Amino acid sequence: MKLNNSQYDTIMRMYDTRQSHARAVQNSRIEEINARIPEYDELRKETAAVSAEAARAAVMGDMSKRARLSEKLASINEEKSILLTAAGYPEDYLELHYECPLCKDTGFINGQKCRCFKQAAIDLLYNQSNIKKILLLENFSNFNYDWYSEDYIDPVSGISALENIVNVTKNVNSFISDFPSGDNLLFYGDTGVGKTFLTHCIAGELLEKGHSVLYLSAIDLFDIFSKHAFDNDGEADYRDAFSQILDCGLLIIDDLGTELVNSFTNSRLFYCINERILAGLSTIISTNLSLEELMNTYSERIFSRLTMSYQIFKIYGDDIRLKKL
């Protein structure tokens, strides 16, 4: 699951397309402003002339002249901003606008892969296109508190399903606004109460903000762990996949407990969650298992990490899948 040359080229072509689009939009806007505000075009030409003169002064070592010209440039730029805003445009209307302002749609920052490149690689390697289609439907815009009843009372806490989910979403919104903070979340509860829907909401919000998110079912996660450990032919590929699991901004493990549990899966799960905790990287886990079942299914070390390093939320209520019909 390592990027091959063709996949790498695909990502770089995407960046070329983004940059070309940004330049085309900028050129179109320049033509628009020149037509609507002729004075702006004159100032733009004056800017070019003064900049060239300032460069010549710097080459000649005439720093006092360069300083005067720099002041003149600042004055011209201020005039340009006034003209733009007076005509109803934002001050940055004519600047290049990138999809990723961090790397300016190059994919790299100081020779290191930008988080947008890492997400592009994750999407390509793990075929997350299906998840992204789901996120168009399962997001906070489509989340409905009416799915949770005031009459459904948890016998242990005495809190209604509605009051509980309001508290859960409050904490989830704090998790999103504080990200990246290294916080971790564990959602548990019966099938159909909205655990996966909520993880989709979080994934969508953080992807929108440009963070790298890797979404894996527990079965897929442990399949990668197994191939990383035992598939000698594909060891290099799965080494990269294993690294992405450990290094992505947010790892979401859905349906923990559906995998075949044994000593190997226990050791790999502990290594995964522990390494991410030590690295200060967030993980979200959803499971149908109760806390008692988690304790009995996984090692004491894993349960200890979950209870000590994760915010744990029980989600309960009626099956929301029936209410969405």
C-alpha atoms as a PDB file:
ATOM      1  CA  MET A   1       0.000   0.000   0.000  1.00  0.00           C
ATOM      2  CA  LYS A   2       2.874   2.263  -0.828  1.00  0.00           C
ATOM      3  CA  LEU A   3       2.409   4.975  -3.458  1.00  0.00           C
ATOM      4  CA  ASN A   4       3.729   3.724  -6.761  1.00  0.00           C
ATOM      5  CA  ASN A   5       5.067   6.103  -9.414  1.00  0.00           C
ATOM      6  CA  SER A   6       1.719   6.312 -11.172  1.00  0.00           C
ATOM      7  CA  GLN A   7      -0.135   7.153  -7.955  1.00  0.00           C
ATOM      8  CA  TYR A   8       2.476   9.748  -7.000  1.00  0.00           C
ATOM      9  CA  ASP A   9       2.157  11.325 -10.445  1.00  0.00           C
ATOM     10  CA  THR A  10      -1.630  11.368 -10.048  1.00  0.00           C
ATOM     11  CA  ILE A  11      -1.327  13.388  -6.845  1.00  0.00           C
ATOM     12  CA  MET A  12       1.211  15.792  -8.355  1.00  0.00           C
ATOM     13  CA  ARG A  13      -1.042  16.315 -11.388  1.00  0.00           C
ATOM     14  CA  MET A  14      -3.806  17.210  -8.969  1.00  0.00           C
ATOM     15  CA  TYR A  15      -1.573  19.931  -7.506  1.00  0.00           C
ATOM     16  CA  ASP A  16      -0.660  21.186 -10.992  1.00  0.00           C
ATOM     17  CA  THR A  17      -4.370  21.435 -11.795  1.00  0.00           C
ATOM     18  CA  ARG A  18      -5.060  23.312  -8.568  1.00  0.00           C
ATOM     19  CA  GLN A  19      -2.260  25.807  -9.233  1.00  0.00           C
ATOM     20  CA  SER A  20      -3.365  26.343 -12.836  1.00  0.00           C
ATOM     21  CA  HIS A  21      -6.919  26.949 -11.672  1.00  0.00           C
ATOM     22  CA  ALA A  22      -5.760  29.445  -9.029  1.00  0.00           C
ATOM     23  CA  ARG A  23      -3.732  31.389 -11.618  1.00  0.00           C
ATOM     24  CA  ALA A  24      -6.632  31.340 -14.090  1.00  0.00           C
ATOM     25  CA  VAL A  25      -9.001  32.728 -11.454  1.00  0.00           C
ATOM     26  CA  GLN A  26      -6.469  35.416 -10.535  1.00  0.00           C
ATOM     27  CA  ASN A  27      -5.965  36.455 -14.184  1.00  0.00           C
ATOM     28  CA  SER A  28      -9.713  36.605 -14.716  1.00  0.00           C
ATOM     29  CA  ARG A  29     -10.120  38.812 -11.666  1.00  0.00           C
ATOM     30  CA  ILE A  30      -7.305  41.121 -12.779  1.00  0.00           C
ATOM     31  CA  GLU A  31      -9.043  41.606 -16.130  1.00  0.00           C
ATOM     32  CA  GLU A  32     -12.323  42.254 -14.327  1.00  0.00           C
ATOM     33  CA  ILE A  33     -10.805  44.909 -12.046  1.00  0.00           C
ATOM     34  CA  ASN A  34      -8.889  46.593 -14.871  1.00  0.00           C
ATOM     35  CA  ALA A  35     -12.154  46.941 -16.778  1.00  0.00           C
ATOM     36  CA  ARG A  36     -14.205  48.140 -13.826  1.00  0.00           C
ATOM     37  CA  ILE A  37     -11.573  50.329 -12.133  1.00  0.00           C
ATOM     38  CA  PRO A  38      -9.198  51.874 -14.732  1.00  0.00           C
ATOM     39  CA  GLU A  39      -7.394  53.778 -11.963  1.00  0.00           C
ATOM     40  CA  TYR A  40      -6.392  50.472 -10.413  1.00  0.00           C
ATOM     41  CA  ASP A  41      -4.701  49.367 -13.635  1.00  0.00           C
ATOM     42  CA  GLU A  42      -2.690  52.600 -13.687  1.00  0.00           C
ATOM     43  CA  LEU A  43      -1.578  52.015 -10.104  1.00  0.00           C
ATOM     44  CA  ARG A  44      -0.677  48.409 -10.954  1.00  0.00           C
ATOM     45  CA  LYS A  45       1.574  49.606 -13.782  1.00  0.00           C
ATOM     46  CA  GLU A  46       3.102  52.203 -11.473  1.00  0.00           C
ATOM     47  CA  THR A  47       3.756  49.455  -8.918  1.00  0.00           C
ATOM     48  CA  ALA A  48       5.713  47.454 -11.502  1.00  0.00           C
ATOM     49  CA  ALA A  49       7.776  50.499 -12.516  1.00  0.00           C
ATOM     50  CA  VAL A  50       8.599  51.521  -8.932  1.00  0.00           C
ATOM     51  CA  SER A  51       9.460  47.919  -7.993  1.00  0.00           C
ATOM     52  CA  ALA A  52      11.901  47.695 -10.905  1.00  0.00           C
ATOM     53  CA  GLU A  53      13.480  51.001  -9.906  1.00  0.00           C
ATOM     54  CA  ALA A  54      13.817  49.826  -6.291  1.00  0.00           C
ATOM     55  CA  ALA A  55      15.537  46.645  -7.489  1.00  0.00           C
ATOM     56  CA  ARG A  56      18.032  48.678  -9.518  1.00  0.00           C
ATOM     57  CA  ALA A  57      18.714  50.883  -6.492  1.00  0.00           C
ATOM     58  CA  ALA A  58      19.431  47.797  -4.396  1.00  0.00           C
ATOM     59  CA  VAL A  59      21.849  46.464  -7.031  1.00  0.00           C
ATOM     60  CA  MET A  60      23.647  49.822  -7.107  1.00  0.00           C
ATOM     61  CA  GLY A  61      23.841  49.880  -3.315  1.00  0.00           C
ATOM     62  CA  ASP A  62      21.729  53.053  -3.024  1.00  0.00           C
ATOM     63  CA  MET A  63      19.875  52.048   0.135  1.00  0.00           C
ATOM     64  CA  SER A  64      18.431  55.501   0.826  1.00  0.00           C
ATOM     65  CA  LYS A  65      16.783  55.577  -2.614  1.00  0.00           C
ATOM     66  CA  ARG A  66      15.540  52.036  -2.109  1.00  0.00           C
ATOM     67  CA  ALA A  67      13.989  53.058   1.216  1.00  0.00           C
ATOM     68  CA  ARG A  68      12.201  56.019  -0.404  1.00  0.00           C
ATOM     69  CA  LEU A  69      10.867  53.797  -3.169  1.00  0.00           C
ATOM     70  CA  SER A  70       9.700  51.227  -0.609  1.00  0.00           C
ATOM     71  CA  GLU A  71       7.688  53.935   1.122  1.00  0.00           C
ATOM     72  CA  LYS A  72       6.227  54.951  -2.232  1.00  0.00           C
ATOM     73  CA  LEU A  73       5.264  51.328  -2.937  1.00  0.00           C
ATOM     74  CA  ALA A  74       3.510  51.102   0.425  1.00  0.00           C
ATOM     75  CA  SER A  75       1.551  54.254  -0.410  1.00  0.00           C
ATOM     76  CA  ILE A  76       0.550  52.900  -3.841  1.00  0.00           C
ATOM     77  CA  ASN A  77      -0.552  49.588  -2.337  1.00  0.00           C
ATOM     78  CA  GLU A  78      -2.691  51.435   0.179  1.00  0.00           C
ATOM     79  CA  GLU A  79      -4.335  53.382  -2.660  1.00  0.00           C
ATOM     80  CA  LYS A  80      -5.020  50.111  -4.473  1.00  0.00           C
ATOM     81  CA  SER A  81      -6.644  48.617  -1.383  1.00  0.00           C
ATOM     82  CA  ILE A  82      -8.847  51.685  -0.970  1.00  0.00           C
ATOM     83  CA  LEU A  83      -9.967  51.477  -4.601  1.00  0.00           C
ATOM     84  CA  LEU A  84     -10.819  47.768  -4.255  1.00  0.00           C
ATOM     85  CA  THR A  85     -12.791  48.078  -1.032  1.00  0.00           C
ATOM     86  CA  ALA A  86     -14.598  51.205  -2.252  1.00  0.00           C
ATOM     87  CA  ALA A  87     -15.796  49.183  -5.247  1.00  0.00           C
ATOM     88  CA  GLY A  88     -17.077  46.419  -2.941  1.00  0.00           C
ATOM     89  CA  TYR A  89     -14.194  43.943  -3.295  1.00  0.00           C
ATOM     90  CA  PRO A  90     -12.167  42.358  -0.453  1.00  0.00           C
ATOM     91  CA  GLU A  91      -8.561  43.560  -0.151  1.00  0.00           C
ATOM     92  CA  ASP A  92      -7.187  40.130  -1.113  1.00  0.00           C
ATOM     93  CA  TYR A  93      -9.451  39.748  -4.165  1.00  0.00           C
ATOM     94  CA  LEU A  94      -6.531  39.776  -6.610  1.00  0.00           C
ATOM     95  CA  GLU A  95      -4.238  37.498  -4.638  1.00  0.00           C
ATOM     96  CA  LEU A  96      -3.731  33.827  -5.489  1.00  0.00           C
ATOM     97  CA  HIS A  97      -6.174  31.715  -3.485  1.00  0.00           C
ATOM     98  CA  TYR A  98      -5.010  28.162  -2.868  1.00  0.00           C
ATOM     99  CA  GLU A  99      -7.030  25.150  -1.749  1.00  0.00           C
ATOM    100  CA  CYS A 100      -4.261  24.541   0.781  1.00  0.00           C
ATOM    101  CA  PRO A 101      -2.747  27.836   1.948  1.00  0.00           C
ATOM    102  CA  LEU A 102      -0.152  25.949   4.013  1.00  0.00           C
ATOM    103  CA  CYS A 103       1.777  24.519   1.039  1.00  0.00           C
ATOM    104  CA  LYS A 104       0.229  26.778  -1.634  1.00  0.00           C
ATOM    105  CA  ASP A 105      -0.948  23.679  -3.502  1.00  0.00           C
ATOM    106  CA  THR A 106       2.542  22.252  -3.950  1.00  0.00           C
ATOM    107  CA  GLY A 107       2.109  19.320  -1.551  1.00  0.00           C
ATOM    108  CA  PHE A 108       5.300  20.146   0.335  1.00  0.00           C
ATOM    109  CA  ILE A 109       6.459  22.528   3.062  1.00  0.00           C
ATOM    110  CA  ASN A 110      10.236  22.930   3.378  1.00  0.00           C
ATOM    111  CA  GLY A 111      10.734  19.599   1.633  1.00  0.00           C
ATOM    112  CA  GLN A 112       8.300  17.746   3.904  1.00  0.00           C
ATOM    113  CA  LYS A 113       4.929  16.390   2.770  1.00  0.00           C
ATOM    114  CA  CYS A 114       2.073  18.696   3.670  1.00  0.00           C
ATOM    115  CA  ARG A 115      -0.874  17.226   5.537  1.00  0.00           C
ATOM    116  CA  CYS A 116      -2.981  17.723   2.385  1.00  0.00           C
ATOM    117  CA  PHE A 117      -0.540  15.441   0.504  1.00  0.00           C
ATOM    118  CA  LYS A 118      -0.797  12.849   3.259  1.00  0.00           C
ATOM    119  CA  GLN A 119      -4.593  12.971   3.034  1.00  0.00           C
ATOM    120  CA  ALA A 120      -4.475  12.659  -0.754  1.00  0.00           C
ATOM    121  CA  ALA A 121      -2.269   9.574  -0.356  1.00  0.00           C
ATOM    122  CA  ILE A 122      -4.624   8.106   2.252  1.00  0.00           C
ATOM    123  CA  ASP A 123      -7.619   8.681  -0.023  1.00  0.00           C
ATOM    124  CA  LEU A 124      -5.829   7.049  -2.948  1.00  0.00           C
ATOM    125  CA  LEU A 125      -4.404   4.076  -1.085  1.00  0.00           C
ATOM    126  CA  TYR A 126      -7.415   3.264   1.069  1.00  0.00           C
ATOM    127  CA  ASN A 127     -10.059   4.182  -1.518  1.00  0.00           C
ATOM    128  CA  GLN A 128     -11.825   6.514   0.897  1.00  0.00           C
ATOM    129  CA  SER A 129     -14.025   7.861  -1.890  1.00  0.00           C
ATOM    130  CA  ASN A 130     -16.888   5.755  -0.521  1.00  0.00           C
ATOM    131  CA  ILE A 131     -16.447   7.278   2.933  1.00  0.00           C
ATOM    132  CA  LYS A 132     -16.486  10.773   1.434  1.00  0.00           C
ATOM    133  CA  LYS A 133     -19.778   9.996  -0.304  1.00  0.00           C
ATOM    134  CA  ILE A 134     -21.189   8.872   3.039  1.00  0.00           C
ATOM    135  CA  LEU A 135     -19.982  12.110   4.654  1.00  0.00           C
ATOM    136  CA  LEU A 136     -22.187  14.069   2.255  1.00  0.00           C
ATOM    137  CA  LEU A 137     -25.162  12.436   3.974  1.00  0.00           C
ATOM    138  CA  GLU A 138     -23.894  11.777   7.481  1.00  0.00           C
ATOM    139  CA  ASN A 139     -22.779  15.141   8.869  1.00  0.00           C
ATOM    140  CA  PHE A 140     -23.849  17.667  11.478  1.00  0.00           C
ATOM    141  CA  SER A 141     -26.164  19.397   9.002  1.00  0.00           C
ATOM    142  CA  ASN A 142     -28.182  16.182   8.839  1.00  0.00           C
ATOM    143  CA  PHE A 143     -27.867  15.301  12.521  1.00  0.00           C
ATOM    144  CA  ASN A 144     -31.204  15.428  14.345  1.00  0.00           C
ATOM    145  CA  TYR A 145     -31.771  15.473  18.103  1.00  0.00           C
ATOM    146  CA  ASP A 146     -35.308  14.225  17.437  1.00  0.00           C
ATOM    147  CA  TRP A 147     -33.774  10.782  16.965  1.00  0.00           C
ATOM    148  CA  TYR A 148     -33.225  10.686  20.742  1.00  0.00           C
ATOM    149  CA  SER A 149     -36.132  10.552  23.153  1.00  0.00           C
ATOM    150  CA  GLU A 150     -36.618  12.302  26.476  1.00  0.00           C
ATOM    151  CA  ASP A 151     -38.613   9.260  27.545  1.00  0.00           C
ATOM    152  CA  TYR A 152     -35.767   6.796  26.980  1.00  0.00           C
ATOM    153  CA  ILE A 153     -34.010   6.771  30.378  1.00  0.00           C
ATOM    154  CA  ASP A 154     -30.755   4.964  31.023  1.00  0.00           C
ATOM    155  CA  PRO A 155     -31.355   2.834  34.150  1.00  0.00           C
ATOM    156  CA  VAL A 156     -27.817   3.333  35.451  1.00  0.00           C
ATOM    157  CA  SER A 157     -27.354   7.101  35.036  1.00  0.00           C
ATOM    158  CA  GLY A 158     -31.009   8.138  35.117  1.00  0.00           C
ATOM    159  CA  ILE A 159     -30.309  10.460  32.163  1.00  0.00           C
ATOM    160  CA  SER A 160     -32.497  10.524  29.069  1.00  0.00           C
ATOM    161  CA  ALA A 161     -31.164   9.601  25.640  1.00  0.00           C
ATOM    162  CA  LEU A 162     -31.743  13.194  24.500  1.00  0.00           C
ATOM    163  CA  GLU A 163     -29.920  14.810  27.417  1.00  0.00           C
ATOM    164  CA  ASN A 164     -27.074  12.347  26.975  1.00  0.00           C
ATOM    165  CA  ILE A 165     -26.584  12.983  23.242  1.00  0.00           C
ATOM    166  CA  VAL A 166     -26.681  16.753  23.822  1.00  0.00           C
ATOM    167  CA  ASN A 167     -23.793  16.327  26.266  1.00  0.00           C
ATOM    168  CA  VAL A 168     -21.940  14.008  23.864  1.00  0.00           C
ATOM    169  CA  THR A 169     -22.211  16.409  20.914  1.00  0.00           C
ATOM    170  CA  LYS A 170     -21.095  19.290  23.141  1.00  0.00           C
ATOM    171  CA  ASN A 171     -17.901  17.385  23.921  1.00  0.00           C
ATOM    172  CA  VAL A 172     -17.510  16.350  20.288  1.00  0.00           C
ATOM    173  CA  ASN A 173     -17.697  19.981  19.163  1.00  0.00           C
ATOM    174  CA  SER A 174     -15.012  20.866  21.715  1.00  0.00           C
ATOM    175  CA  PHE A 175     -12.869  18.026  20.364  1.00  0.00           C
ATOM    176  CA  ILE A 176     -13.229  19.430  16.831  1.00  0.00           C
ATOM    177  CA  SER A 177     -12.567  23.055  17.779  1.00  0.00           C
ATOM    178  CA  ASP A 178      -9.497  22.111  19.861  1.00  0.00           C
ATOM    179  CA  PHE A 179      -8.057  19.722  17.252  1.00  0.00           C
ATOM    180  CA  PRO A 180      -5.205  18.828  17.108  1.00  0.00           C
ATOM    181  CA  SER A 181      -5.032  18.443  20.861  1.00  0.00           C
ATOM    182  CA  GLY A 182      -4.088  14.786  21.267  1.00  0.00           C
ATOM    183  CA  ASP A 183      -7.472  14.004  22.849  1.00  0.00           C
ATOM    184  CA  ASN A 184      -9.063  10.615  22.209  1.00  0.00           C
ATOM    185  CA  LEU A 185     -12.704   9.505  22.136  1.00  0.00           C
ATOM    186  CA  LEU A 186     -14.402   6.161  22.720  1.00  0.00           C
ATOM    187  CA  PHE A 187     -18.067   5.724  21.807  1.00  0.00           C
ATOM    188  CA  TYR A 188     -19.850   2.584  22.970  1.00  0.00           C
ATOM    189  CA  GLY A 189     -23.443   1.422  22.866  1.00  0.00           C
ATOM    190  CA  ASP A 190     -25.884  -0.812  21.067  1.00  0.00           C
ATOM    191  CA  THR A 191     -26.073  -1.158  17.291  1.00  0.00           C
ATOM    192  CA  GLY A 192     -27.940   1.650  15.548  1.00  0.00           C
ATOM    193  CA  VAL A 193     -27.731   4.373  18.214  1.00  0.00           C
ATOM    194  CA  GLY A 194     -25.582   6.706  16.093  1.00  0.00           C
ATOM    195  CA  LYS A 195     -21.978   5.949  17.027  1.00  0.00           C
ATOM    196  CA  THR A 196     -20.763   5.576  13.449  1.00  0.00           C
ATOM    197  CA  PHE A 197     -22.881   8.529  12.314  1.00  0.00           C
ATOM    198  CA  LEU A 198     -21.139  10.677  14.927  1.00  0.00           C
ATOM    199  CA  THR A 199     -17.668   9.534  13.844  1.00  0.00           C
ATOM    200  CA  HIS A 200     -18.620  10.436  10.262  1.00  0.00           C
ATOM    201  CA  CYS A 201     -19.620  13.913  11.459  1.00  0.00           C
ATOM    202  CA  ILE A 202     -16.234  14.384  13.134  1.00  0.00           C
ATOM    203  CA  ALA A 203     -14.318  13.053  10.132  1.00  0.00           C
ATOM    204  CA  GLY A 204     -16.159  15.398   7.780  1.00  0.00           C
ATOM    205  CA  GLU A 205     -15.523  18.475   9.920  1.00  0.00           C
ATOM    206  CA  LEU A 206     -11.797  17.775  10.268  1.00  0.00           C
ATOM    207  CA  LEU A 207     -11.339  16.903   6.593  1.00  0.00           C
ATOM    208  CA  GLU A 208     -12.957  20.257   5.769  1.00  0.00           C
ATOM    209  CA  LYS A 209     -10.319  21.919   7.951  1.00  0.00           C
ATOM    210  CA  GLY A 210      -7.524  20.165   6.060  1.00  0.00           C
ATOM    211  CA  HIS A 211      -6.512  17.579   8.652  1.00  0.00           C
ATOM    212  CA  SER A 212      -5.501  14.066   7.620  1.00  0.00           C
ATOM    213  CA  VAL A 213      -8.106  11.495   8.636  1.00  0.00           C
ATOM    214  CA  LEU A 214      -7.845   7.723   8.199  1.00  0.00           C
ATOM    215  CA  TYR A 215     -11.110   5.834   8.668  1.00  0.00           C
ATOM    216  CA  LEU A 216     -10.848   2.048   9.055  1.00  0.00           C
ATOM    217  CA  SER A 217     -13.141  -0.684  10.273  1.00  0.00           C
ATOM    218  CA  ALA A 218     -11.558  -2.843  12.957  1.00  0.00           C
ATOM    219  CA  ILE A 219     -11.493  -5.755  10.505  1.00  0.00           C
ATOM    220  CA  ASP A 220      -9.576  -3.718   7.901  1.00  0.00           C
ATOM    221  CA  LEU A 221      -7.216  -2.358  10.560  1.00  0.00           C
ATOM    222  CA  PHE A 222      -6.205  -5.802  11.777  1.00  0.00           C
ATOM    223  CA  ASP A 223      -5.952  -7.090   8.215  1.00  0.00           C
ATOM    224  CA  ILE A 224      -3.269  -4.450   7.603  1.00  0.00           C
ATOM    225  CA  PHE A 225      -1.544  -5.366  10.870  1.00  0.00           C
ATOM    226  CA  SER A 226      -1.524  -9.036   9.839  1.00  0.00           C
ATOM    227  CA  LYS A 227      -0.139  -8.394   6.364  1.00  0.00           C
ATOM    228  CA  HIS A 228       2.463  -6.016   7.783  1.00  0.00           C
ATOM    229  CA  ALA A 229       3.662  -8.783  10.092  1.00  0.00           C
ATOM    230  CA  PHE A 230       3.338 -11.894   7.922  1.00  0.00           C
ATOM    231  CA  ASP A 231       3.185 -10.962   4.214  1.00  0.00           C
ATOM    232  CA  ASN A 232       6.862 -11.019   3.227  1.00  0.00           C
ATOM    233  CA  ASP A 233       6.151 -10.230  -0.427  1.00  0.00           C
ATOM    234  CA  GLY A 234       4.253  -7.056   0.396  1.00  0.00           C
ATOM    235  CA  GLU A 235       6.189  -6.118   3.518  1.00  0.00           C
ATOM    236  CA  ALA A 236       7.423  -2.765   2.153  1.00  0.00           C
ATOM    237  CA  ASP A 237       3.940  -1.767   1.015  1.00  0.00           C
ATOM    238  CA  TYR A 238       2.311  -2.637   4.321  1.00  0.00           C
ATOM    239  CA  ARG A 239       5.127  -0.998   6.253  1.00  0.00           C
ATOM    240  CA  ASP A 240       4.003   2.284   4.695  1.00  0.00           C
ATOM    241  CA  ALA A 241       0.365   1.504   5.490  1.00  0.00           C
ATOM    242  CA  PHE A 242       1.317   0.709   9.079  1.00  0.00           C
ATOM    243  CA  SER A 243       3.181   4.025   9.309  1.00  0.00           C
ATOM    244  CA  GLN A 244       0.135   5.929   8.072  1.00  0.00           C
ATOM    245  CA  ILE A 245      -1.993   4.295  10.757  1.00  0.00           C
ATOM    246  CA  LEU A 246       0.476   5.500  13.376  1.00  0.00           C
ATOM    247  CA  ASP A 247       1.120   8.950  11.872  1.00  0.00           C
ATOM    248  CA  CYS A 248      -2.184  10.296  10.470  1.00  0.00           C
ATOM    249  CA  GLY A 249      -3.725  13.297  12.204  1.00  0.00           C
ATOM    250  CA  LEU A 250      -6.843  11.386  13.237  1.00  0.00           C
ATOM    251  CA  LEU A 251      -7.340   7.626  13.190  1.00  0.00           C
ATOM    252  CA  ILE A 252     -10.925   6.375  13.425  1.00  0.00           C
ATOM    253  CA  ILE A 253     -11.414   2.697  14.284  1.00  0.00           C
ATOM    254  CA  ASP A 254     -15.011   1.680  13.658  1.00  0.00           C
ATOM    255  CA  ASP A 255     -16.704  -1.380  15.176  1.00  0.00           C
ATOM    256  CA  LEU A 256     -13.911  -2.517  17.473  1.00  0.00           C
ATOM    257  CA  GLY A 257     -14.767  -6.039  18.618  1.00  0.00           C
ATOM    258  CA  THR A 258     -15.968  -7.347  15.263  1.00  0.00           C
ATOM    259  CA  GLU A 259     -12.484  -8.644  14.444  1.00  0.00           C
ATOM    260  CA  LEU A 260     -11.161 -12.062  15.444  1.00  0.00           C
ATOM    261  CA  VAL A 261      -9.573 -11.371  18.833  1.00  0.00           C
ATOM    262  CA  ASN A 262      -6.382 -13.206  19.785  1.00  0.00           C
ATOM    263  CA  SER A 263      -2.980 -12.498  21.307  1.00  0.00           C
ATOM    264  CA  PHE A 264      -1.717 -11.015  18.032  1.00  0.00           C
ATOM    265  CA  THR A 265      -4.587  -8.544  17.641  1.00  0.00           C
ATOM    266  CA  ASN A 266      -4.269  -7.615  21.308  1.00  0.00           C
ATOM    267  CA  SER A 267      -0.575  -6.830  20.976  1.00  0.00           C
ATOM    268  CA  ARG A 268      -1.043  -4.852  17.743  1.00  0.00           C
ATOM    269  CA  LEU A 269      -3.956  -2.846  19.125  1.00  0.00           C
ATOM    270  CA  PHE A 270      -1.994  -1.941  22.235  1.00  0.00           C
ATOM    271  CA  TYR A 271       1.008  -0.900  20.155  1.00  0.00           C
ATOM    272  CA  CYS A 272      -1.188   1.225  17.880  1.00  0.00           C
ATOM    273  CA  ILE A 273      -3.104   3.125  20.547  1.00  0.00           C
ATOM    274  CA  ASN A 274      -0.056   3.479  22.801  1.00  0.00           C
ATOM    275  CA  GLU A 275       2.198   4.852  20.049  1.00  0.00           C
ATOM    276  CA  ARG A 276      -0.458   7.378  19.047  1.00  0.00           C
ATOM    277  CA  ILE A 277      -0.933   8.468  22.657  1.00  0.00           C
ATOM    278  CA  LEU A 278       2.834   8.962  23.042  1.00  0.00           C
ATOM    279  CA  ALA A 279       2.929  10.930  19.764  1.00  0.00           C
ATOM    280  CA  GLY A 280       0.039  13.148  20.864  1.00  0.00           C
ATOM    281  CA  LEU A 281      -2.133  12.024  17.936  1.00  0.00           C
ATOM    282  CA  SER A 282      -5.881  11.594  18.328  1.00  0.00           C
ATOM    283  CA  THR A 283      -7.783   8.343  17.898  1.00  0.00           C
ATOM    284  CA  ILE A 284     -11.536   7.717  17.918  1.00  0.00           C
ATOM    285  CA  ILE A 285     -12.907   4.241  18.594  1.00  0.00           C
ATOM    286  CA  SER A 286     -16.504   3.078  18.265  1.00  0.00           C
ATOM    287  CA  THR A 287     -17.698  -0.276  19.567  1.00  0.00           C
ATOM    288  CA  ASN A 288     -20.857  -2.228  20.324  1.00  0.00           C
ATOM    289  CA  LEU A 289     -19.116  -3.768  23.329  1.00  0.00           C
ATOM    290  CA  SER A 290     -19.903  -2.607  26.841  1.00  0.00           C
ATOM    291  CA  LEU A 291     -17.070  -1.466  29.105  1.00  0.00           C
ATOM    292  CA  GLU A 292     -17.214  -4.813  30.898  1.00  0.00           C
ATOM    293  CA  GLU A 293     -17.014  -6.650  27.573  1.00  0.00           C
ATOM    294  CA  LEU A 294     -14.065  -4.483  26.498  1.00  0.00           C
ATOM    295  CA  MET A 295     -12.279  -5.346  29.746  1.00  0.00           C
ATOM    296  CA  ASN A 296     -12.934  -9.067  29.255  1.00  0.00           C
ATOM    297  CA  THR A 297     -12.097  -9.082  25.525  1.00  0.00           C
ATOM    298  CA  TYR A 298      -8.856  -7.129  25.467  1.00  0.00           C
ATOM    299  CA  SER A 299      -5.745  -7.097  27.612  1.00  0.00           C
ATOM    300  CA  GLU A 300      -5.538  -5.219  30.884  1.00  0.00           C
ATOM    301  CA  ARG A 301      -2.960  -2.884  29.302  1.00  0.00           C
ATOM    302  CA  ILE A 302      -5.360  -1.947  26.497  1.00  0.00           C
ATOM    303  CA  PHE A 303      -8.283  -1.367  28.848  1.00  0.00           C
ATOM    304  CA  SER A 304      -6.050   0.745  31.073  1.00  0.00           C
ATOM    305  CA  ARG A 305      -5.002   2.950  28.128  1.00  0.00           C
ATOM    306  CA  LEU A 306      -8.634   3.361  27.072  1.00  0.00           C
ATOM    307  CA  THR A 307      -9.868   4.326  30.526  1.00  0.00           C
ATOM    308  CA  MET A 308      -6.913   6.601  31.315  1.00  0.00           C
ATOM    309  CA  SER A 309      -6.352   8.321  27.957  1.00  0.00           C
ATOM    310  CA  TYR A 310      -9.789   8.399  26.283  1.00  0.00           C
ATOM    311  CA  GLN A 311     -12.943  10.375  26.924  1.00  0.00           C
ATOM    312  CA  ILE A 312     -15.554   7.622  27.094  1.00  0.00           C
ATOM    313  CA  PHE A 313     -19.160   8.204  26.066  1.00  0.00           C
ATOM    314  CA  LYS A 314     -22.049   5.778  26.165  1.00  0.00           C
ATOM    315  CA  ILE A 315     -24.613   6.449  23.440  1.00  0.00           C
ATOM    316  CA  TYR A 316     -28.034   4.954  23.892  1.00  0.00           C
ATOM    317  CA  GLY A 317     -31.612   5.240  22.725  1.00  0.00           C
ATOM    318  CA  ASP A 318     -33.837   3.783  20.034  1.00  0.00           C
ATOM    319  CA  ASP A 319     -32.458   2.550  16.711  1.00  0.00           C
ATOM    320  CA  ILE A 320     -32.021   5.795  14.735  1.00  0.00           C
ATOM    321  CA  ARG A 321     -31.865   3.853  11.480  1.00  0.00           C
ATOM    322  CA  LEU A 322     -35.602   3.206  11.849  1.00  0.00           C
ATOM    323  CA  LYS A 323     -36.296   6.855  12.650  1.00  0.00           C
ATOM    324  CA  LYS A 324     -34.448   8.027   9.528  1.00  0.00           C
ATOM    325  CA  LEU A 325     -36.674   5.956   7.224  1.00  0.00           C
END
